[in-house]
Protein backbone atom coordinates (compact mmCIF):
# COMPACT_ATOMS: atom_id res chain seq x y z
CA UNK A 1 42.03 111.65 109.88
CA UNK A 2 43.81 110.14 106.84
CA UNK A 3 44.55 106.82 108.64
CA UNK A 4 40.95 106.60 109.74
CA UNK A 5 39.50 107.35 106.29
CA UNK A 6 41.97 104.81 104.77
CA UNK A 7 41.02 102.10 107.14
CA UNK A 8 37.32 102.65 106.69
CA UNK A 9 37.14 102.95 102.93
CA UNK A 10 40.26 101.32 101.47
CA UNK A 11 40.87 97.56 101.83
CA UNK A 12 44.58 96.62 102.18
CA UNK A 13 45.25 100.46 102.62
CA UNK A 14 48.90 99.85 103.55
CA UNK A 15 49.86 98.22 100.27
CA UNK A 16 50.48 101.50 98.47
CA UNK A 17 52.51 99.69 95.70
CA UNK A 18 49.11 98.21 94.45
CA UNK A 19 47.59 99.98 91.58
CA UNK A 20 44.10 99.36 93.05
CA UNK A 21 45.11 100.89 96.41
CA UNK A 22 46.64 104.03 94.67
CA UNK A 23 43.39 104.41 92.74
CA UNK A 24 41.38 104.15 95.99
CA UNK A 25 43.50 106.70 97.70
CA UNK A 26 43.17 109.04 94.64
CA UNK A 27 39.33 108.65 94.64
CA UNK A 28 39.25 109.38 98.29
CA UNK A 29 41.30 112.54 97.99
CA UNK A 30 39.34 113.62 94.92
CA UNK A 31 35.92 113.23 96.52
CA UNK A 32 37.06 114.99 99.76
CA UNK A 33 38.36 117.80 97.74
CA UNK A 34 35.25 118.26 95.74
CA UNK A 35 32.96 118.22 98.76
CA UNK A 36 35.07 120.60 100.88
CA UNK A 37 35.74 123.05 98.01
CA UNK A 38 32.08 123.26 96.96
CA UNK A 39 31.06 124.01 100.64
CA UNK A 40 33.82 126.66 100.84
CA UNK A 41 32.79 128.20 97.59
CA UNK A 42 29.11 128.52 98.82
CA UNK A 43 30.21 130.05 102.13
CA UNK A 44 32.59 132.55 100.57
CA UNK A 45 30.05 133.63 97.82
CA UNK A 46 27.62 134.32 100.77
CA UNK A 47 30.30 136.30 102.59
CA UNK A 48 31.37 138.14 99.47
CA UNK A 49 27.77 139.20 98.87
CA UNK A 50 27.40 140.43 102.49
CA UNK A 51 30.65 142.51 102.36
CA UNK A 52 30.82 143.55 98.73
CA UNK A 53 34.41 142.28 98.60
CA UNK A 54 35.86 141.38 95.26
CA UNK A 55 38.74 139.55 97.01
CA UNK A 56 36.27 137.31 98.86
CA UNK A 57 34.25 136.61 95.85
CA UNK A 58 37.34 135.88 93.64
CA UNK A 59 38.35 133.41 96.48
CA UNK A 60 35.10 131.77 96.30
CA UNK A 61 35.56 131.20 92.55
CA UNK A 62 39.02 129.93 93.23
CA UNK A 63 37.53 127.28 95.43
CA UNK A 64 35.22 126.24 92.63
CA UNK A 65 38.16 125.84 90.36
CA UNK A 66 39.75 123.81 93.14
CA UNK A 67 36.79 121.39 93.11
CA UNK A 68 37.36 121.11 89.35
CA UNK A 69 40.92 120.32 89.95
CA UNK A 70 39.90 117.61 92.46
CA UNK A 71 37.75 116.07 89.60
CA UNK A 72 40.83 116.18 87.33
CA UNK A 73 42.81 114.45 90.02
CA UNK A 74 40.18 111.80 90.45
CA UNK A 75 39.98 111.17 86.72
CA UNK A 76 43.79 111.10 86.51
CA UNK A 77 44.07 108.33 89.11
CA UNK A 78 41.26 106.32 87.48
CA UNK A 79 42.84 106.54 84.09
CA UNK A 80 46.29 105.83 85.39
CA UNK A 81 45.00 102.53 86.92
CA UNK A 82 44.05 101.11 83.62
CA UNK A 83 45.96 97.98 82.59
CA UNK A 84 48.57 98.00 79.84
CA UNK A 85 47.28 97.42 76.40
CA UNK A 86 48.86 96.90 72.88
CA UNK A 87 49.06 100.67 72.33
CA UNK A 88 50.47 101.32 75.86
CA UNK A 89 52.52 98.30 76.88
CA UNK A 90 53.93 100.10 79.97
CA UNK A 91 50.50 101.12 81.30
CA UNK A 92 48.88 104.57 81.69
CA UNK A 93 50.76 105.69 84.86
CA UNK A 94 51.78 108.98 83.31
CA UNK A 95 48.05 110.00 83.33
CA UNK A 96 48.84 111.17 86.94
CA UNK A 97 51.39 113.56 85.70
CA UNK A 98 48.94 114.78 83.10
CA UNK A 99 46.45 115.31 85.77
CA UNK A 100 48.91 117.26 87.85
CA UNK A 101 49.74 119.47 84.86
CA UNK A 102 46.03 120.14 84.27
CA UNK A 103 45.61 121.24 87.92
CA UNK A 104 48.49 123.57 87.60
CA UNK A 105 47.10 125.11 84.43
CA UNK A 106 43.72 125.66 86.17
CA UNK A 107 45.59 127.36 89.02
CA UNK A 108 47.36 129.65 86.57
CA UNK A 109 44.08 130.51 84.81
CA UNK A 110 42.37 131.32 88.14
CA UNK A 111 45.40 133.52 89.06
CA UNK A 112 45.02 135.38 85.76
CA UNK A 113 41.23 135.87 86.26
CA UNK A 114 41.87 137.19 89.82
CA UNK A 115 44.60 139.66 88.54
CA UNK A 116 42.06 141.14 86.05
CA UNK A 117 39.47 141.58 88.71
CA UNK A 118 41.84 143.09 91.23
CA UNK A 119 43.22 145.59 88.76
CA UNK A 120 39.59 146.62 87.95
CA UNK A 121 38.93 146.95 91.73
CA UNK A 122 42.05 149.04 92.21
CA UNK A 123 40.97 151.53 89.39
CA UNK A 124 37.41 151.66 90.49
CA UNK A 125 37.32 150.86 94.31
CA UNK A 126 34.07 149.93 96.01
CA UNK A 127 33.30 150.05 99.68
CA UNK A 128 33.85 146.90 101.72
CA UNK A 129 31.78 146.22 104.87
CA UNK A 130 32.70 144.18 107.84
CA UNK A 131 30.49 141.21 108.83
CA UNK A 132 31.12 138.94 111.75
CA UNK A 133 29.58 136.07 109.82
CA UNK A 134 31.92 136.66 106.90
CA UNK A 135 34.98 136.83 109.14
CA UNK A 136 34.00 133.44 110.70
CA UNK A 137 33.62 131.93 107.21
CA UNK A 138 37.07 133.21 106.14
CA UNK A 139 38.76 131.90 109.35
CA UNK A 140 37.09 128.44 109.01
CA UNK A 141 38.10 128.36 105.32
CA UNK A 142 41.82 129.07 106.01
CA UNK A 143 41.97 126.20 108.55
CA UNK A 144 40.04 123.81 106.13
CA UNK A 145 42.46 124.62 103.38
CA UNK A 146 45.47 124.10 105.71
CA UNK A 147 44.04 120.69 106.54
CA UNK A 148 43.48 119.85 102.85
CA UNK A 149 47.10 120.81 102.12
CA UNK A 150 48.37 118.51 104.79
CA UNK A 151 46.13 115.71 103.68
CA UNK A 152 47.25 115.87 100.03
CA UNK A 153 50.90 116.41 101.13
CA UNK A 154 50.89 113.48 103.28
CA UNK A 155 49.21 111.19 100.59
CA UNK A 156 51.30 112.69 97.79
CA UNK A 157 54.49 111.55 99.67
CA UNK A 158 52.96 108.29 100.61
CA UNK A 159 51.95 107.55 97.05
CA UNK A 160 54.77 109.37 95.17
CA UNK A 161 52.01 111.40 93.48
CA UNK A 162 52.88 114.66 91.87
CA UNK A 163 49.23 115.57 91.20
CA UNK A 164 48.45 115.26 94.91
CA UNK A 165 51.50 117.31 95.68
CA UNK A 166 50.39 120.01 93.19
CA UNK A 167 47.07 120.08 94.91
CA UNK A 168 48.72 120.42 98.22
CA UNK A 169 50.66 123.54 96.97
CA UNK A 170 47.41 125.03 95.66
CA UNK A 171 45.71 124.44 99.07
CA UNK A 172 48.53 126.22 100.81
CA UNK A 173 48.30 129.20 98.54
CA UNK A 174 44.56 129.27 98.99
CA UNK A 175 45.00 129.36 102.80
CA UNK A 176 47.41 132.30 102.42
CA UNK A 177 45.05 134.03 100.07
CA UNK A 178 42.13 133.74 102.37
CA UNK A 179 44.24 135.03 105.22
CA UNK A 180 45.23 138.07 103.20
CA UNK A 181 41.52 138.85 102.39
CA UNK A 182 40.60 138.38 106.08
CA UNK A 183 43.37 140.80 107.11
CA UNK A 184 42.26 143.29 104.44
CA UNK A 185 38.68 143.13 105.65
CA UNK A 186 39.94 143.96 109.23
CA UNK A 187 42.02 146.91 107.95
CA UNK A 188 39.04 148.37 106.08
CA UNK A 189 36.92 147.93 109.20
CA UNK A 190 39.24 149.57 111.71
CA UNK A 191 41.09 152.15 109.54
CA UNK A 192 38.76 152.82 106.75
CA UNK A 193 41.54 151.95 104.25
CA UNK A 194 40.14 150.20 101.23
CA UNK A 195 42.92 147.90 100.00
CA UNK A 196 40.65 145.28 98.70
CA UNK A 197 42.07 145.39 95.23
CA UNK A 198 45.56 145.40 96.23
CA UNK A 199 44.88 142.37 98.40
CA UNK A 200 43.36 140.56 95.46
CA UNK A 201 46.47 141.54 93.40
CA UNK A 202 48.78 140.01 96.04
CA UNK A 203 46.60 136.89 96.15
CA UNK A 204 46.68 136.55 92.37
CA UNK A 205 50.50 136.60 92.44
CA UNK A 206 50.55 133.91 95.18
CA UNK A 207 48.22 131.71 93.07
CA UNK A 208 50.44 132.29 89.97
CA UNK A 209 53.56 131.10 91.86
CA UNK A 210 51.72 127.94 93.17
CA UNK A 211 50.55 127.21 89.57
CA UNK A 212 54.07 127.72 88.13
CA UNK A 213 55.68 125.53 90.81
CA UNK A 214 53.16 122.85 90.29
CA UNK A 215 53.51 122.96 86.52
CA UNK A 216 57.35 122.67 86.71
CA UNK A 217 57.16 119.62 88.96
CA UNK A 218 54.75 117.91 86.67
CA UNK A 219 56.32 118.77 83.27
CA UNK A 220 59.78 117.43 84.35
CA UNK A 221 58.79 113.66 84.57
CA UNK A 222 56.88 114.00 81.42
CA UNK A 223 59.87 115.33 79.58
CA UNK A 224 62.00 112.58 81.09
CA UNK A 225 63.99 113.90 84.14
CA UNK A 226 66.89 112.28 85.49
CA UNK A 227 66.33 109.59 88.25
CA UNK A 228 66.64 110.31 91.93
CA UNK A 229 70.49 110.26 92.64
CA UNK A 230 69.78 108.17 95.79
CA UNK A 231 68.06 105.54 93.71
CA UNK A 232 70.80 105.41 91.26
CA UNK A 233 73.44 104.97 94.04
CA UNK A 234 71.42 102.21 95.71
CA UNK A 235 71.21 100.29 92.45
CA UNK A 236 74.83 100.66 91.83
CA UNK A 237 75.76 99.51 95.39
CA UNK A 238 73.39 96.60 95.19
CA UNK A 239 74.75 95.39 91.86
CA UNK A 240 78.41 95.87 92.75
CA UNK A 241 77.89 93.92 96.00
CA UNK A 242 77.64 90.83 93.85
CA UNK A 243 81.20 89.27 93.77
CA UNK A 244 80.61 88.19 90.20
CA UNK A 245 80.24 91.84 89.03
CA UNK A 246 83.42 93.80 88.18
CA UNK A 247 81.83 97.04 87.08
CA UNK A 248 78.57 98.61 85.92
CA UNK A 249 77.66 101.11 83.22
CA UNK A 250 74.74 102.30 80.94
CA UNK A 251 72.47 102.50 83.71
CA UNK A 252 69.08 103.86 82.62
CA UNK A 253 65.92 104.36 84.65
CA UNK A 254 62.74 104.70 82.66
CA UNK A 255 59.80 106.30 84.44
CA UNK A 256 56.31 105.30 83.14
CA UNK A 257 54.44 106.81 86.23
CA UNK A 258 54.52 106.14 89.90
CA UNK A 259 55.24 102.53 90.68
CA UNK A 260 56.00 101.88 86.97
CA UNK A 261 59.81 102.01 86.54
CA UNK A 262 61.93 100.10 84.21
CA UNK A 263 65.65 99.78 84.94
CA UNK A 264 68.32 98.60 82.53
CA UNK A 265 72.09 98.39 82.90
CA UNK A 266 75.20 96.64 81.84
CA UNK A 267 77.12 94.55 84.40
CA UNK A 268 80.69 93.72 83.68
CA UNK A 269 81.59 90.05 84.47
CA UNK A 270 84.81 88.07 84.04
CA UNK A 271 85.14 86.72 80.48
CA UNK A 272 86.52 83.40 81.67
CA UNK A 273 83.78 82.75 84.23
CA UNK A 274 81.17 79.97 84.15
CA UNK A 275 78.51 81.37 81.90
CA UNK A 276 75.69 79.45 83.59
CA UNK A 277 76.69 80.59 87.01
CA UNK A 278 77.12 84.17 85.86
CA UNK A 279 73.74 84.06 84.18
CA UNK A 280 72.11 82.76 87.43
CA UNK A 281 73.75 85.63 89.40
CA UNK A 282 72.45 88.20 86.92
CA UNK A 283 68.98 86.67 87.20
CA UNK A 284 69.18 86.85 91.03
CA UNK A 285 70.18 90.60 90.74
CA UNK A 286 67.23 91.43 88.46
CA UNK A 287 64.80 89.78 90.84
CA UNK A 288 66.26 91.49 93.87
CA UNK A 289 66.15 95.05 92.24
CA UNK A 290 62.59 94.38 91.14
CA UNK A 291 61.49 93.35 94.70
CA UNK A 292 63.62 96.18 96.44
CA UNK A 293 62.52 99.00 94.25
CA UNK A 294 59.28 97.91 92.52
CA UNK A 295 60.73 98.12 89.09
CA UNK A 296 61.22 95.78 86.04
CA UNK A 297 64.95 95.24 85.64
CA UNK A 298 66.99 94.09 82.61
CA UNK A 299 70.74 93.52 83.10
CA UNK A 300 72.99 92.91 80.13
CA UNK A 301 76.14 90.94 80.79
CA UNK A 302 79.38 92.44 79.48
CA UNK A 303 82.31 90.00 79.50
CA UNK A 304 85.63 91.72 80.23
CA UNK A 305 89.04 90.34 80.41
CA UNK A 306 90.31 90.38 84.10
CA UNK A 307 93.38 88.15 83.97
CA UNK A 308 95.42 89.94 81.24
CA UNK A 309 98.33 91.72 82.84
CA UNK A 310 98.48 94.17 79.81
CA UNK A 311 94.80 95.41 79.94
CA UNK A 312 94.46 97.14 83.18
CA UNK A 313 97.67 99.23 82.89
CA UNK A 314 96.98 100.31 79.29
CA UNK A 315 93.32 101.17 80.22
CA UNK A 316 94.71 103.24 83.08
CA UNK A 317 97.23 104.95 80.88
CA UNK A 318 94.71 105.78 78.13
CA UNK A 319 92.19 107.05 80.68
CA UNK A 320 94.67 109.37 82.25
CA UNK A 321 95.80 110.80 78.84
CA UNK A 322 92.21 111.37 77.69
CA UNK A 323 91.15 112.98 81.02
CA UNK A 324 94.25 115.18 81.05
CA UNK A 325 94.20 116.35 77.53
CA UNK A 326 90.46 116.28 76.57
CA UNK A 327 88.15 116.34 79.58
CA UNK A 328 88.58 114.99 83.22
CA UNK A 329 84.93 113.81 83.23
CA UNK A 330 85.25 111.29 80.49
CA UNK A 331 85.17 107.58 81.73
CA UNK A 332 85.98 104.36 79.89
CA UNK A 333 84.49 100.95 80.05
CA UNK A 334 84.21 97.61 78.02
CA UNK A 335 87.91 97.92 77.46
CA UNK A 336 89.73 95.26 75.53
CA UNK A 337 92.57 94.51 73.32
CA UNK A 338 92.59 92.51 70.10
CA UNK A 339 96.12 91.94 68.66
CA UNK A 340 96.69 91.32 65.01
CA UNK A 341 99.75 90.73 62.77
CA UNK A 342 100.04 94.52 61.66
CA UNK A 343 98.24 96.44 64.38
CA UNK A 344 96.38 96.24 67.68
CA UNK A 345 92.75 97.20 68.04
CA UNK A 346 92.09 99.11 71.31
CA UNK A 347 88.33 98.82 71.74
CA UNK A 348 86.31 100.64 74.38
CA UNK A 349 83.39 102.86 75.11
CA UNK A 350 83.79 106.54 76.20
CA UNK A 351 81.27 108.05 78.45
CA UNK A 352 81.07 111.84 78.14
CA UNK A 353 79.61 114.21 80.85
CA UNK A 354 76.61 116.35 80.15
CA UNK A 355 78.52 119.65 79.80
CA UNK A 356 80.85 118.20 77.16
CA UNK A 357 80.57 120.24 74.02
CA UNK A 358 82.78 118.39 71.49
CA UNK A 359 80.76 116.46 68.83
CA UNK A 360 81.02 112.69 68.79
CA UNK A 361 82.97 112.34 65.60
CA UNK A 362 85.31 115.11 66.66
CA UNK A 363 85.88 113.35 70.01
CA UNK A 364 86.53 110.03 68.28
CA UNK A 365 89.16 111.54 66.11
CA UNK A 366 90.84 113.23 69.16
CA UNK A 367 90.96 109.96 71.11
CA UNK A 368 92.31 108.09 68.13
CA UNK A 369 95.15 110.63 67.73
CA UNK A 370 96.04 110.26 71.51
CA UNK A 371 96.10 106.50 71.26
CA UNK A 372 98.10 106.58 68.05
CA UNK A 373 100.65 108.81 69.82
CA UNK A 374 101.18 106.05 72.42
CA UNK A 375 102.04 103.47 69.79
CA UNK A 376 102.00 103.66 66.03
CA UNK A 377 100.38 100.13 65.98
CA UNK A 378 97.43 101.07 68.08
CA UNK A 379 94.11 101.53 66.34
CA UNK A 380 91.30 103.05 68.32
CA UNK A 381 87.76 101.55 67.92
CA UNK A 382 85.67 103.95 70.17
CA UNK A 383 81.90 104.11 70.93
CA UNK A 384 80.75 107.32 72.40
CA UNK A 385 78.23 106.94 75.25
CA UNK A 386 76.16 109.61 77.01
CA UNK A 387 75.04 109.69 80.72
CA UNK A 388 71.40 108.99 81.62
CA UNK A 389 71.75 109.28 85.40
C-alpha cells in the first residue's frame, strides 16, 4: 500500500534524501492519518453511545487526538522543508523533532484524561451492554490501527523521521487499547462482570508509556545526543583509509534534522608532506563523506612529525604513564616536541573520557608533574579535549 500510494502521489518517490520528497511523504502520512482517525472516532462514538462504555468513548476521543497529532506531523514536515534563511542558516529540519515532541505531549494528555475518566467509572460503575455492531467497529478499528502503525513505522525508518516513529508507537498502543476494550465488553456480556473502568485504567497506562517513550526519543536529538556509533566508525574507517592520513581526532557530528548533518574532524597528516597534495586529498575526503553520508564535512589538517625517532617513543612513554597513574581512558594526539636552550616543550592534546571527574586545571597540573618527573627539562603544554562521539 505504501509503495502504491508513493508511486501514485509522490514524483521521484525513491529519492528520500530530497527535502521535497520527505515533505511529500510527510503530507501523505499526515492526510492518511487525519482521514482514518476521524472515521475511527465517529465509529467509536457511535459504538460508545450504543453500549454505554466509557472505555469505548474514551478510545474515540483518543482517535480524535490522533487526528490532531497527524495535523501536527503534517505541519512539522511542511515547516522542516523550509529553506535556510539568515536566522536559521542550517535550515529548519529540527521542526520534525518538535512535531514528534508535540505528538508525544498530546499522547500524554489523552492518557491523563482517560485516567481520570476511568477512575470515575471505577468509583461509580455503569452497566455496559454488548452490541454486535459495536464489536465489529472495535475489531475493524484495531486492525486499522495496526496498519497505521506499520505504515508510519516503515516510513519513519525510510525517512529517519522520529515524528513518524512516535506516531507509529501511538498507533500500536491504540490497537492494544481497543483490543482491551473489546475483551472487556465480551467479559461483561458473558459473565456480567463490569470491569469497564479498570480496562480504561489499563489503557491509560499503555497510552502514558507510549507518550513517554515517544517524548524521550524526540527530546534526545533536540538536546544534542551522541551520533550513531556505526556512523562514527564508518567515518573513521573511510578517513583512515586514505594513505595520507596518519590519525583522526576531534570528530564532531552536528544534527540539524534528518538529512541535515554537519561533520567536522581533524586529520593528522605528515608535516613534511606536499601541502598541495595533502590539501587535495583532504578535499577528496570531504566530498566523499558528503556524498556517502549526505552531510556537509569540514576536515582540518593537523601536521604531525612522523620522521623524528624521538617523538613516537616519548609519546608512547608519556601515554603509558598518564593512563597508568591518572586514567586508562585518556588519549593523546597532536604530540610534538619543541627543544630550546634551557628546556623542552612537550606539546599535545589530552582527550578525557566522559566519566572522568578531575577538573581540567587539576588534570593539567597532574600531567605536568608526571612529565616533569621524567625529565627536569620537560615542560608540558597541554590542551584538554573532551569526547563528542
